[in-house]
Protein backbone atom coordinates (compact mmCIF):
# COMPACT_ATOMS: atom_id res chain seq x y z
CA MET A 1 -12.21 20.35 -69.61
CA ASP A 2 -15.68 21.78 -70.30
CA GLN A 3 -16.69 22.43 -73.87
CA PRO A 4 -18.48 25.64 -74.79
CA PRO A 5 -22.23 25.09 -75.30
CA ILE A 6 -23.35 24.30 -78.80
CA SER A 7 -26.73 24.96 -80.36
CA ARG A 8 -29.44 22.33 -80.33
CA GLU A 9 -29.20 22.02 -84.10
CA GLU A 10 -25.43 21.48 -84.02
CA TYR A 11 -25.72 18.98 -81.15
CA VAL A 12 -28.41 16.97 -82.96
CA ARG A 13 -26.44 17.08 -86.21
CA ARG A 14 -23.28 15.81 -84.52
CA VAL A 15 -25.07 13.06 -82.58
CA LEU A 16 -26.82 11.82 -85.70
CA GLU A 17 -23.63 12.01 -87.74
CA ALA A 18 -21.79 9.96 -85.12
CA TYR A 19 -24.64 7.44 -85.02
CA ARG A 20 -24.82 7.23 -88.81
CA HIS A 21 -21.11 6.37 -89.03
CA THR A 22 -21.13 3.91 -86.14
CA PRO A 23 -20.16 0.40 -87.29
CA GLY A 24 -23.01 -2.07 -87.03
CA THR A 25 -25.76 0.48 -87.68
CA THR A 26 -27.84 0.85 -90.83
CA GLY A 27 -26.33 4.27 -91.46
CA THR A 28 -29.86 5.63 -91.79
CA VAL A 29 -31.28 8.34 -89.55
CA ARG A 30 -35.01 8.23 -88.91
CA ARG A 31 -37.36 10.69 -87.24
CA PRO A 32 -37.28 8.86 -83.85
CA ASP A 33 -33.47 9.13 -83.90
CA ARG A 34 -33.70 12.88 -84.44
CA LEU A 35 -36.24 13.18 -81.62
CA LEU A 36 -34.03 11.18 -79.24
CA ALA A 37 -31.01 13.34 -80.10
CA THR A 38 -33.10 16.43 -79.33
CA GLN A 39 -34.19 14.92 -76.01
CA LEU A 40 -30.56 14.17 -75.10
CA HIS A 41 -29.73 17.83 -75.77
CA GLN A 42 -32.68 18.98 -73.67
CA ARG A 43 -31.50 16.75 -70.81
CA GLY A 44 -28.06 18.31 -71.05
CA VAL A 45 -26.26 15.07 -71.90
CA PRO A 46 -22.79 16.14 -73.06
CA LEU A 47 -21.95 15.32 -76.66
CA THR A 48 -18.79 13.53 -75.53
CA ILE A 49 -20.90 11.19 -73.38
CA VAL A 50 -22.99 10.19 -76.39
CA GLN A 51 -19.89 9.72 -78.54
CA ASN A 52 -18.16 7.68 -75.83
CA ALA A 53 -21.26 5.51 -75.41
CA LEU A 54 -21.31 4.75 -79.13
CA VAL A 55 -17.65 3.73 -78.99
CA LEU A 56 -18.18 1.56 -75.91
CA ALA A 57 -21.19 -0.19 -77.42
CA VAL A 58 -19.33 -0.83 -80.67
CA ALA A 59 -16.37 -2.25 -78.75
CA ARG A 60 -18.68 -4.63 -76.94
CA ARG A 61 -20.31 -5.69 -80.19
CA LEU A 62 -17.17 -6.10 -82.30
CA LEU A 63 -14.49 -7.19 -79.86
CA ARG A 64 -16.18 -10.38 -78.75
CA SER A 65 -15.57 -14.03 -79.40
CA ALA A 66 -15.63 -14.94 -83.08
CA ARG A 67 -17.36 -18.18 -82.06
CA LEU A 68 -20.50 -16.27 -81.12
CA PRO A 69 -23.13 -15.68 -83.80
CA PRO A 70 -23.10 -12.23 -85.41
CA LEU A 71 -25.35 -9.59 -83.94
CA ALA A 72 -28.18 -7.98 -85.87
CA THR A 73 -27.72 -4.55 -87.41
CA VAL A 74 -28.64 -1.65 -85.12
CA ARG A 75 -31.59 0.22 -86.57
CA SER A 76 -32.17 2.94 -83.98
CA LEU A 77 -30.24 5.40 -81.87
CA ALA A 78 -32.44 4.20 -78.99
CA TYR A 79 -30.40 0.96 -78.95
CA PHE A 80 -27.56 2.99 -77.43
CA LEU A 81 -29.63 4.70 -74.73
CA PRO A 82 -28.78 2.20 -71.95
CA VAL A 83 -25.08 2.60 -72.74
CA ILE A 84 -25.44 6.40 -72.73
CA GLU A 85 -27.00 6.14 -69.27
CA GLU A 86 -24.17 3.83 -68.18
CA VAL A 87 -21.45 6.17 -69.43
CA LEU A 88 -23.12 9.08 -67.61
CA GLU A 89 -22.51 7.16 -64.37
CA LEU A 90 -18.98 5.95 -65.15
CA LYS A 91 -15.94 7.59 -63.64
CA ILE A 92 -13.52 6.59 -66.39
CA ASN A 93 -10.85 8.82 -67.82
CA ASP A 94 -11.56 9.98 -71.38
CA ASP A 95 -8.24 8.37 -72.40
CA TYR A 96 -9.93 4.96 -72.18
CA PHE A 97 -12.55 5.96 -74.76
CA GLN A 98 -9.85 7.41 -77.01
CA TYR A 99 -8.01 4.08 -76.75
CA LEU A 100 -11.19 2.19 -77.73
CA HIS A 101 -11.77 4.53 -80.66
CA ARG A 102 -8.21 3.96 -81.92
CA ARG A 103 -8.63 0.21 -81.52
CA LEU A 104 -11.89 0.31 -83.47
CA ARG A 105 -10.64 2.62 -86.24
CA PRO A 106 -10.40 -0.23 -88.80
CA PHE A 107 -14.14 -0.85 -88.39
CA TYR A 108 -15.12 2.73 -89.21
CA SER A 109 -15.61 3.55 -92.87
CA GLY A 110 -14.75 6.84 -94.48
C-alpha cells in the first residue's frame, strides 16, 4: 500500500529519529547524516525502505555468533547506505521486516 507523500522536513526528521534510536549507533546525528537523509528524500527512497534497512542491518549485527568479537559503534547514517540499496532491490514481503523488528525489540531502548 502506498503512503501519502510527506514533506522533506518530515522525511528527514523521521529518518534521523529512526537512525538515532537504532541499536549499535552513537545516537548522535551529525550534519552529514542530515545531508544524506535529504539526498534519500530527493532520490525518492521510501521511508519504509530506510526503516527496513536499519532493521535488517541491526539484525545482522546483533543476531550473530556470540563467539565473534563485538562490532564497533556505528557513527554515521552512511554506514547503512549499502543496506538501503540492497533493500531497494529486494522483493521481500514487509511482514519479514516486521518480524525482525519484533525480534529485535529488546535491543531498542525507550
